[in-house]
Amino acid sequence: MLNQRNVIICRCEEVTLHTLQETVSTYQCSSRELKLRTRAGMGYCGGRTCRQLIDAIASEISSTVPGNTPPLGYQPPVRPVSFDLLGGTK
C-alpha cells in the first residue's frame, strides 16, 4: 500500500507531499514561499515537472486564490556547452 507521506512531488530535490503539506500548514505560505522554504521546484528541471502541483498544494491547504499571487516561474534546464559550439575554431 502506498504511503502518501512519502510521495515525492519534486523529484529533483526529493521533496515529499508530507513536507509540502506540513510547511503550508505551519506557515500559511503562498506557492512562492513554499518553494523558497522547501526548495521544491529549484532542482535540475527548474520546476517544469512539479510547479503546477506545488501551486495546487499551496492553494488547497492555505485556502488562497491562485490569482492573487504571481505564478511560480521556471527556468529551462542548464546544459554544458563546449567552446567549439560558441563559435570557436578547431
PDB file of N, CA and C in Angstrom:
ATOM      1  N   MET A   1       0.833  -1.184   0.000  1.00  0.00           N
ATOM      2  CA  MET A   1       0.000   0.000   0.000  1.00  0.00           C
ATOM      3  C   MET A   1       0.880   1.251   0.000  1.00  0.00           C
ATOM      4  N   LEU A   2       0.498   2.229  -0.769  1.00  0.00           N
ATOM      5  CA  LEU A   2       1.272   3.455  -0.918  1.00  0.00           C
ATOM      6  C   LEU A   2       1.049   4.389   0.263  1.00  0.00           C
ATOM      7  N   ASN A   3       2.132   4.825   0.859  1.00  0.00           N
ATOM      8  CA  ASN A   3       2.067   5.777   1.956  1.00  0.00           C
ATOM      9  C   ASN A   3       2.147   7.181   1.372  1.00  0.00           C
ATOM     10  N   GLN A   4       1.101   7.973   1.531  1.00  0.00           N
ATOM     11  CA  GLN A   4       1.056   9.304   0.924  1.00  0.00           C
ATOM     12  C   GLN A   4       2.091  10.254   1.514  1.00  0.00           C
ATOM     13  N   ARG A   5       2.556   9.971   2.708  1.00  0.00           N
ATOM     14  CA  ARG A   5       3.573  10.830   3.314  1.00  0.00           C
ATOM     15  C   ARG A   5       4.870  10.790   2.514  1.00  0.00           C
ATOM     16  N   ASN A   6       5.125   9.692   1.833  1.00  0.00           N
ATOM     17  CA  ASN A   6       6.394   9.508   1.135  1.00  0.00           C
ATOM     18  C   ASN A   6       6.309   9.768  -0.366  1.00  0.00           C
ATOM     19  N   VAL A   7       5.179  10.240  -0.861  1.00  0.00           N
ATOM     20  CA  VAL A   7       5.047  10.538  -2.287  1.00  0.00           C
ATOM     21  C   VAL A   7       5.925  11.743  -2.600  1.00  0.00           C
ATOM     22  N   ILE A   8       6.818  11.578  -3.547  1.00  0.00           N
ATOM     23  CA  ILE A   8       7.733  12.664  -3.913  1.00  0.00           C
ATOM     24  C   ILE A   8       7.071  13.549  -4.963  1.00  0.00           C
ATOM     25  N   ILE A   9       6.964  14.822  -4.652  1.00  0.00           N
ATOM     26  CA  ILE A   9       6.381  15.798  -5.572  1.00  0.00           C
ATOM     27  C   ILE A   9       7.466  16.396  -6.457  1.00  0.00           C
ATOM     28  N   CYS A  10       8.557  16.823  -5.860  1.00  0.00           N
ATOM     29  CA  CYS A  10       9.686  17.378  -6.614  1.00  0.00           C
ATOM     30  C   CYS A  10      10.776  16.310  -6.680  1.00  0.00           C
ATOM     31  N   ARG A  11      10.927  15.712  -7.836  1.00  0.00           N
ATOM     32  CA  ARG A  11      11.904  14.630  -7.995  1.00  0.00           C
ATOM     33  C   ARG A  11      13.337  15.128  -7.914  1.00  0.00           C
ATOM     34  N   CYS A  12      13.591  16.301  -8.411  1.00  0.00           N
ATOM     35  CA  CYS A  12      14.962  16.821  -8.437  1.00  0.00           C
ATOM     36  C   CYS A  12      15.502  17.087  -7.036  1.00  0.00           C
ATOM     37  N   GLU A  13      14.675  17.653  -6.170  1.00  0.00           N
ATOM     38  CA  GLU A  13      15.083  17.989  -4.808  1.00  0.00           C
ATOM     39  C   GLU A  13      14.566  16.992  -3.776  1.00  0.00           C
ATOM     40  N   GLU A  14      13.833  15.965  -4.225  1.00  0.00           N
ATOM     41  CA  GLU A  14      13.278  14.912  -3.366  1.00  0.00           C
ATOM     42  C   GLU A  14      12.429  15.479  -2.225  1.00  0.00           C
ATOM     43  N   VAL A  15      11.511  16.378  -2.575  1.00  0.00           N
ATOM     44  CA  VAL A  15      10.605  16.974  -1.596  1.00  0.00           C
ATOM     45  C   VAL A  15       9.305  16.178  -1.622  1.00  0.00           C
ATOM     46  N   THR A  16       8.869  15.725  -0.455  1.00  0.00           N
ATOM     47  CA  THR A  16       7.678  14.882  -0.373  1.00  0.00           C
ATOM     48  C   THR A  16       6.408  15.706  -0.200  1.00  0.00           C
ATOM     49  N   LEU A  17       5.291  15.058  -0.459  1.00  0.00           N
ATOM     50  CA  LEU A  17       3.984  15.681  -0.272  1.00  0.00           C
ATOM     51  C   LEU A  17       3.802  16.074   1.192  1.00  0.00           C
ATOM     52  N   HIS A  18       4.213  15.209   2.090  1.00  0.00           N
ATOM     53  CA  HIS A  18       4.076  15.498   3.527  1.00  0.00           C
ATOM     54  C   HIS A  18       4.857  16.755   3.915  1.00  0.00           C
ATOM     55  N   THR A  19       6.062  16.905   3.401  1.00  0.00           N
ATOM     56  CA  THR A  19       6.869  18.094   3.708  1.00  0.00           C
ATOM     57  C   THR A  19       6.177  19.358   3.219  1.00  0.00           C
ATOM     58  N   LEU A  20       5.619  19.310   2.017  1.00  0.00           N
ATOM     59  CA  LEU A  20       4.917  20.475   1.472  1.00  0.00           C
ATOM     60  C   LEU A  20       3.673  20.796   2.286  1.00  0.00           C
ATOM     61  N   GLN A  21       2.891  19.771   2.609  1.00  0.00           N
ATOM     62  CA  GLN A  21       1.670  19.988   3.379  1.00  0.00           C
ATOM     63  C   GLN A  21       1.979  20.537   4.768  1.00  0.00           C
ATOM     64  N   GLU A  22       2.990  19.996   5.410  1.00  0.00           N
ATOM     65  CA  GLU A  22       3.370  20.446   6.743  1.00  0.00           C
ATOM     66  C   GLU A  22       3.863  21.900   6.725  1.00  0.00           C
ATOM     67  N   THR A  23       4.628  22.258   5.697  1.00  0.00           N
ATOM     68  CA  THR A  23       5.153  23.617   5.581  1.00  0.00           C
ATOM     69  C   THR A  23       4.038  24.619   5.352  1.00  0.00           C
ATOM     70  N   VAL A  24       3.091  24.288   4.476  1.00  0.00           N
ATOM     71  CA  VAL A  24       1.975  25.204   4.213  1.00  0.00           C
ATOM     72  C   VAL A  24       1.114  25.350   5.455  1.00  0.00           C
ATOM     73  N   SER A  25       0.864  24.261   6.155  1.00  0.00           N
ATOM     74  CA  SER A  25       0.047  24.327   7.369  1.00  0.00           C
ATOM     75  C   SER A  25       0.717  25.152   8.464  1.00  0.00           C
ATOM     76  N   THR A  26       2.004  25.018   8.591  1.00  0.00           N
ATOM     77  CA  THR A  26       2.733  25.733   9.642  1.00  0.00           C
ATOM     78  C   THR A  26       2.839  27.223   9.359  1.00  0.00           C
ATOM     79  N   TYR A  27       3.187  27.584   8.126  1.00  0.00           N
ATOM     80  CA  TYR A  27       3.487  28.985   7.797  1.00  0.00           C
ATOM     81  C   TYR A  27       2.396  29.695   7.012  1.00  0.00           C
ATOM     82  N   GLN A  28       1.338  28.975   6.592  1.00  0.00           N
ATOM     83  CA  GLN A  28       0.278  29.565   5.763  1.00  0.00           C
ATOM     84  C   GLN A  28       0.890  30.361   4.609  1.00  0.00           C
ATOM     85  N   CYS A  29       1.762  29.707   3.865  1.00  0.00           N
ATOM     86  CA  CYS A  29       2.539  30.402   2.845  1.00  0.00           C
ATOM     87  C   CYS A  29       1.969  30.206   1.443  1.00  0.00           C
ATOM     88  N   SER A  30       2.361  31.102   0.572  1.00  0.00           N
ATOM     89  CA  SER A  30       1.991  31.020  -0.840  1.00  0.00           C
ATOM     90  C   SER A  30       2.888  29.985  -1.520  1.00  0.00           C
ATOM     91  N   SER A  31       2.611  29.701  -2.774  1.00  0.00           N
ATOM     92  CA  SER A  31       3.420  28.721  -3.501  1.00  0.00           C
ATOM     93  C   SER A  31       4.851  29.209  -3.676  1.00  0.00           C
ATOM     94  N   ARG A  32       5.032  30.499  -3.839  1.00  0.00           N
ATOM     95  CA  ARG A  32       6.395  31.037  -3.962  1.00  0.00           C
ATOM     96  C   ARG A  32       7.173  30.859  -2.661  1.00  0.00           C
ATOM     97  N   GLU A  33       6.549  31.177  -1.539  1.00  0.00           N
ATOM     98  CA  GLU A  33       7.215  31.000  -0.254  1.00  0.00           C
ATOM     99  C   GLU A  33       7.449  29.515   0.030  1.00  0.00           C
ATOM    100  N   LEU A  34       6.517  28.687  -0.379  1.00  0.00           N
ATOM    101  CA  LEU A  34       6.678  27.238  -0.208  1.00  0.00           C
ATOM    102  C   LEU A  34       7.891  26.743  -0.988  1.00  0.00           C
ATOM    103  N   LYS A  35       8.064  27.273  -2.170  1.00  0.00           N
ATOM    104  CA  LYS A  35       9.225  26.922  -2.991  1.00  0.00           C
ATOM    105  C   LYS A  35      10.520  27.338  -2.300  1.00  0.00           C
ATOM    106  N   LEU A  36      10.544  28.531  -1.733  1.00  0.00           N
ATOM    107  CA  LEU A  36      11.745  29.024  -1.071  1.00  0.00           C
ATOM    108  C   LEU A  36      12.049  28.276   0.231  1.00  0.00           C
ATOM    109  N   ARG A  37      11.017  27.876   0.941  1.00  0.00           N
ATOM    110  CA  ARG A  37      11.223  27.179   2.217  1.00  0.00           C
ATOM    111  C   ARG A  37      11.647  25.720   2.029  1.00  0.00           C
ATOM    112  N   THR A  38      11.179  25.066   0.961  1.00  0.00           N
ATOM    113  CA  THR A  38      11.431  23.628   0.801  1.00  0.00           C
ATOM    114  C   THR A  38      12.358  23.290  -0.358  1.00  0.00           C
ATOM    115  N   ARG A  39      12.668  24.236  -1.222  1.00  0.00           N
ATOM    116  CA  ARG A  39      13.455  24.048  -2.437  1.00  0.00           C
ATOM    117  C   ARG A  39      12.717  23.236  -3.500  1.00  0.00           C
ATOM    118  N   ALA A  40      11.446  22.982  -3.314  1.00  0.00           N
ATOM    119  CA  ALA A  40      10.657  22.285  -4.333  1.00  0.00           C
ATOM    120  C   ALA A  40      10.577  23.173  -5.566  1.00  0.00           C
ATOM    121  N   GLY A  41      10.918  22.635  -6.703  1.00  0.00           N
ATOM    122  CA  GLY A  41      10.897  23.399  -7.944  1.00  0.00           C
ATOM    123  C   GLY A  41      12.198  24.111  -8.244  1.00  0.00           C
ATOM    124  N   MET A  42      13.235  23.873  -7.455  1.00  0.00           N
ATOM    125  CA  MET A  42      14.516  24.544  -7.668  1.00  0.00           C
ATOM    126  C   MET A  42      15.595  23.590  -8.155  1.00  0.00           C
ATOM    127  N   GLY A  43      15.219  22.420  -8.552  1.00  0.00           N
ATOM    128  CA  GLY A  43      16.209  21.426  -8.970  1.00  0.00           C
ATOM    129  C   GLY A  43      16.619  21.559 -10.415  1.00  0.00           C
ATOM    130  N   TYR A  44      17.125  20.486 -10.961  1.00  0.00           N
ATOM    131  CA  TYR A  44      17.672  20.464 -12.320  1.00  0.00           C
ATOM    132  C   TYR A  44      16.642  20.869 -13.371  1.00  0.00           C
ATOM    133  N   CYS A  45      15.396  20.417 -13.213  1.00  0.00           N
ATOM    134  CA  CYS A  45      14.383  20.731 -14.231  1.00  0.00           C
ATOM    135  C   CYS A  45      13.849  22.151 -14.081  1.00  0.00           C
ATOM    136  N   GLY A  46      14.165  22.819 -12.984  1.00  0.00           N
ATOM    137  CA  GLY A  46      13.734  24.202 -12.804  1.00  0.00           C
ATOM    138  C   GLY A  46      12.247  24.356 -12.554  1.00  0.00           C
ATOM    139  N   GLY A  47      11.575  23.308 -12.090  1.00  0.00           N
ATOM    140  CA  GLY A  47      10.157  23.402 -11.778  1.00  0.00           C
ATOM    141  C   GLY A  47       9.224  23.043 -12.910  1.00  0.00           C
ATOM    142  N   ARG A  48       9.748  22.559 -14.006  1.00  0.00           N
ATOM    143  CA  ARG A  48       8.875  22.221 -15.132  1.00  0.00           C
ATOM    144  C   ARG A  48       7.959  21.044 -14.836  1.00  0.00           C
ATOM    145  N   THR A  49       8.375  20.132 -13.957  1.00  0.00           N
ATOM    146  CA  THR A  49       7.547  18.950 -13.697  1.00  0.00           C
ATOM    147  C   THR A  49       6.676  19.092 -12.454  1.00  0.00           C
ATOM    148  N   CYS A  50       7.054  19.917 -11.495  1.00  0.00           N
ATOM    149  CA  CYS A  50       6.316  19.961 -10.228  1.00  0.00           C
ATOM    150  C   CYS A  50       5.657  21.305  -9.935  1.00  0.00           C
ATOM    151  N   ARG A  51       5.862  22.288 -10.754  1.00  0.00           N
ATOM    152  CA  ARG A  51       5.361  23.640 -10.484  1.00  0.00           C
ATOM    153  C   ARG A  51       3.851  23.673 -10.278  1.00  0.00           C
ATOM    154  N   GLN A  52       3.105  22.989 -11.117  1.00  0.00           N
ATOM    155  CA  GLN A  52       1.645  23.008 -11.009  1.00  0.00           C
ATOM    156  C   GLN A  52       1.165  22.299  -9.744  1.00  0.00           C
ATOM    157  N   LEU A  53       1.844  21.226  -9.361  1.00  0.00           N
ATOM    158  CA  LEU A  53       1.477  20.526  -8.125  1.00  0.00           C
ATOM    159  C   LEU A  53       1.746  21.393  -6.901  1.00  0.00           C
ATOM    160  N   ILE A  54       2.862  22.100  -6.910  1.00  0.00           N
ATOM    161  CA  ILE A  54       3.187  22.981  -5.785  1.00  0.00           C
ATOM    162  C   ILE A  54       2.139  24.083  -5.660  1.00  0.00           C
ATOM    163  N   ASP A  55       1.738  24.667  -6.777  1.00  0.00           N
ATOM    164  CA  ASP A  55       0.688  25.690  -6.770  1.00  0.00           C
ATOM    165  C   ASP A  55      -0.609  25.117  -6.204  1.00  0.00           C
ATOM    166  N   ALA A  56      -0.979  23.922  -6.653  1.00  0.00           N
ATOM    167  CA  ALA A  56      -2.235  23.305  -6.210  1.00  0.00           C
ATOM    168  C   ALA A  56      -2.211  22.985  -4.717  1.00  0.00           C
ATOM    169  N   ILE A  57      -1.105  22.459  -4.229  1.00  0.00           N
ATOM    170  CA  ILE A  57      -0.996  22.115  -2.804  1.00  0.00           C
ATOM    171  C   ILE A  57      -1.078  23.368  -1.944  1.00  0.00           C
ATOM    172  N   ALA A  58      -0.365  24.397  -2.334  1.00  0.00           N
ATOM    173  CA  ALA A  58      -0.365  25.641  -1.556  1.00  0.00           C
ATOM    174  C   ALA A  58      -1.750  26.285  -1.534  1.00  0.00           C
ATOM    175  N   SER A  59      -2.428  26.326  -2.656  1.00  0.00           N
ATOM    176  CA  SER A  59      -3.737  26.981  -2.696  1.00  0.00           C
ATOM    177  C   SER A  59      -4.804  26.150  -1.990  1.00  0.00           C
ATOM    178  N   GLU A  60      -4.689  24.823  -2.040  1.00  0.00           N
ATOM    179  CA  GLU A  60      -5.685  23.961  -1.385  1.00  0.00           C
ATOM    180  C   GLU A  60      -5.600  24.051   0.142  1.00  0.00           C
ATOM    181  N   ILE A  61      -4.394  24.017   0.674  1.00  0.00           N
ATOM    182  CA  ILE A  61      -4.229  23.989   2.127  1.00  0.00           C
ATOM    183  C   ILE A  61      -4.395  25.369   2.742  1.00  0.00           C
ATOM    184  N   SER A  62      -3.835  26.390   2.110  1.00  0.00           N
ATOM    185  CA  SER A  62      -3.907  27.731   2.703  1.00  0.00           C
ATOM    186  C   SER A  62      -5.170  28.480   2.299  1.00  0.00           C
ATOM    187  N   SER A  63      -6.001  27.885   1.466  1.00  0.00           N
ATOM    188  CA  SER A  63      -7.266  28.488   1.019  1.00  0.00           C
ATOM    189  C   SER A  63      -7.071  29.844   0.363  1.00  0.00           C
ATOM    190  N   THR A  64      -6.000  29.983  -0.400  1.00  0.00           N
ATOM    191  CA  THR A  64      -5.772  31.222  -1.131  1.00  0.00           C
ATOM    192  C   THR A  64      -6.178  31.024  -2.580  1.00  0.00           C
ATOM    193  N   VAL A  65      -6.584  32.093  -3.186  1.00  0.00           N
ATOM    194  CA  VAL A  65      -6.940  32.048  -4.593  1.00  0.00           C
ATOM    195  C   VAL A  65      -5.655  32.184  -5.398  1.00  0.00           C
ATOM    196  N   PRO A  66      -5.369  31.245  -6.335  1.00  0.00           N
ATOM    197  CA  PRO A  66      -4.111  31.314  -7.068  1.00  0.00           C
ATOM    198  C   PRO A  66      -3.895  32.601  -7.840  1.00  0.00           C
ATOM    199  N   GLY A  67      -4.954  33.326  -8.196  1.00  0.00           N
ATOM    200  CA  GLY A  67      -4.816  34.551  -8.963  1.00  0.00           C
ATOM    201  C   GLY A  67      -4.245  35.719  -8.174  1.00  0.00           C
ATOM    202  N   ASN A  68      -4.223  35.613  -6.843  1.00  0.00           N
ATOM    203  CA  ASN A  68      -3.738  36.713  -6.008  1.00  0.00           C
ATOM    204  C   ASN A  68      -2.219  36.803  -5.945  1.00  0.00           C
ATOM    205  N   THR A  69      -1.534  35.739  -6.271  1.00  0.00           N
ATOM    206  CA  THR A  69      -0.079  35.733  -6.222  1.00  0.00           C
ATOM    207  C   THR A  69       0.465  35.436  -7.609  1.00  0.00           C
ATOM    208  N   PRO A  70       1.637  35.940  -7.910  1.00  0.00           N
ATOM    209  CA  PRO A  70       2.209  35.628  -9.223  1.00  0.00           C
ATOM    210  C   PRO A  70       2.510  34.130  -9.318  1.00  0.00           C
ATOM    211  N   PRO A  71       2.314  33.544 -10.496  1.00  0.00           N
ATOM    212  CA  PRO A  71       2.589  32.117 -10.644  1.00  0.00           C
ATOM    213  C   PRO A  71       4.078  31.839 -10.492  1.00  0.00           C
ATOM    214  N   LEU A  72       4.391  30.610 -10.120  1.00  0.00           N
ATOM    215  CA  LEU A  72       5.788  30.227  -9.991  1.00  0.00           C
ATOM    216  C   LEU A  72       6.459  30.260 -11.355  1.00  0.00           C
ATOM    217  N   GLY A  73       7.618  30.839 -11.399  1.00  0.00           N
ATOM    218  CA  GLY A  73       8.386  30.844 -12.636  1.00  0.00           C
ATOM    219  C   GLY A  73       9.205  29.575 -12.735  1.00  0.00           C
ATOM    220  N   TYR A  74       9.685  29.312 -13.898  1.00  0.00           N
ATOM    221  CA  TYR A  74      10.573  28.168 -14.057  1.00  0.00           C
ATOM    222  C   TYR A  74      11.649  28.516 -15.056  1.00  0.00           C
ATOM    223  N   GLN A  75      12.771  27.875 -14.911  1.00  0.00           N
ATOM    224  CA  GLN A  75      13.921  28.113 -15.759  1.00  0.00           C
ATOM    225  C   GLN A  75      14.164  26.892 -16.627  1.00  0.00           C
ATOM    226  N   PRO A  76      14.592  27.093 -17.852  1.00  0.00           N
ATOM    227  CA  PRO A  76      14.957  25.937 -18.659  1.00  0.00           C
ATOM    228  C   PRO A  76      16.191  25.263 -18.062  1.00  0.00           C
ATOM    229  N   PRO A  77      16.328  23.975 -18.268  1.00  0.00           N
ATOM    230  CA  PRO A  77      17.494  23.282 -17.714  1.00  0.00           C
ATOM    231  C   PRO A  77      18.799  23.824 -18.275  1.00  0.00           C
ATOM    232  N   VAL A  78      19.807  23.797 -17.458  1.00  0.00           N
ATOM    233  CA  VAL A  78      21.133  24.246 -17.864  1.00  0.00           C
ATOM    234  C   VAL A  78      21.879  23.048 -18.440  1.00  0.00           C
ATOM    235  N   ARG A  79      22.474  23.248 -19.590  1.00  0.00           N
ATOM    236  CA  ARG A  79      23.249  22.186 -20.226  1.00  0.00           C
ATOM    237  C   ARG A  79      24.638  22.709 -20.514  1.00  0.00           C
ATOM    238  N   PRO A  80      25.655  21.892 -20.290  1.00  0.00           N
ATOM    239  CA  PRO A  80      27.016  22.340 -20.597  1.00  0.00           C
ATOM    240  C   PRO A  80      27.195  22.547 -22.098  1.00  0.00           C
ATOM    241  N   VAL A  81      27.928  23.590 -22.449  1.00  0.00           N
ATOM    242  CA  VAL A  81      28.196  23.906 -23.856  1.00  0.00           C
ATOM    243  C   VAL A  81      29.709  24.021 -24.024  1.00  0.00           C
ATOM    244  N   SER A  82      30.192  23.374 -25.051  1.00  0.00           N
ATOM    245  CA  SER A  82      31.647  23.450 -25.291  1.00  0.00           C
ATOM    246  C   SER A  82      31.978  24.774 -26.000  1.00  0.00           C
ATOM    247  N   PHE A  83      33.225  25.187 -25.902  1.00  0.00           N
ATOM    248  CA  PHE A  83      33.641  26.418 -26.546  1.00  0.00           C
ATOM    249  C   PHE A  83      33.555  26.319 -28.078  1.00  0.00           C
ATOM    250  N   ASP A  84      33.707  25.121 -28.620  1.00  0.00           N
ATOM    251  CA  ASP A  84      33.576  24.946 -30.072  1.00  0.00           C
ATOM    252  C   ASP A  84      32.189  25.344 -30.555  1.00  0.00           C
ATOM    253  N   LEU A  85      31.165  25.042 -29.777  1.00  0.00           N
ATOM    254  CA  LEU A  85      29.795  25.395 -30.157  1.00  0.00           C
ATOM    255  C   LEU A  85      29.537  26.894 -30.041  1.00  0.00           C
ATOM    256  N   LEU A  86      30.315  27.583 -29.240  1.00  0.00           N
ATOM    257  CA  LEU A  86      30.127  29.015 -29.059  1.00  0.00           C
ATOM    258  C   LEU A  86      30.791  29.850 -30.149  1.00  0.00           C
ATOM    259  N   GLY A  87      31.413  29.214 -31.103  1.00  0.00           N
ATOM    260  CA  GLY A  87      31.998  29.954 -32.201  1.00  0.00           C
ATOM    261  C   GLY A  87      33.497  29.835 -32.306  1.00  0.00           C
ATOM    262  N   GLY A  88      34.063  28.999 -31.486  1.00  0.00           N
ATOM    263  CA  GLY A  88      35.495  28.806 -31.549  1.00  0.00           C
ATOM    264  C   GLY A  88      35.864  27.960 -32.772  1.00  0.00           C
ATOM    265  N   THR A  89      37.090  28.027 -33.178  1.00  0.00           N
ATOM    266  CA  THR A  89      37.555  27.210 -34.281  1.00  0.00           C
ATOM    267  C   THR A  89      38.474  26.137 -33.750  1.00  0.00           C
ATOM    268  N   LYS A  90      38.565  25.091 -34.488  1.00  0.00           N
ATOM    269  CA  LYS A  90      39.420  23.963 -34.080  1.00  0.00           C
ATOM    270  C   LYS A  90      40.790  24.101 -34.657  1.00  0.00           C
TER     271      LYS A  90
END
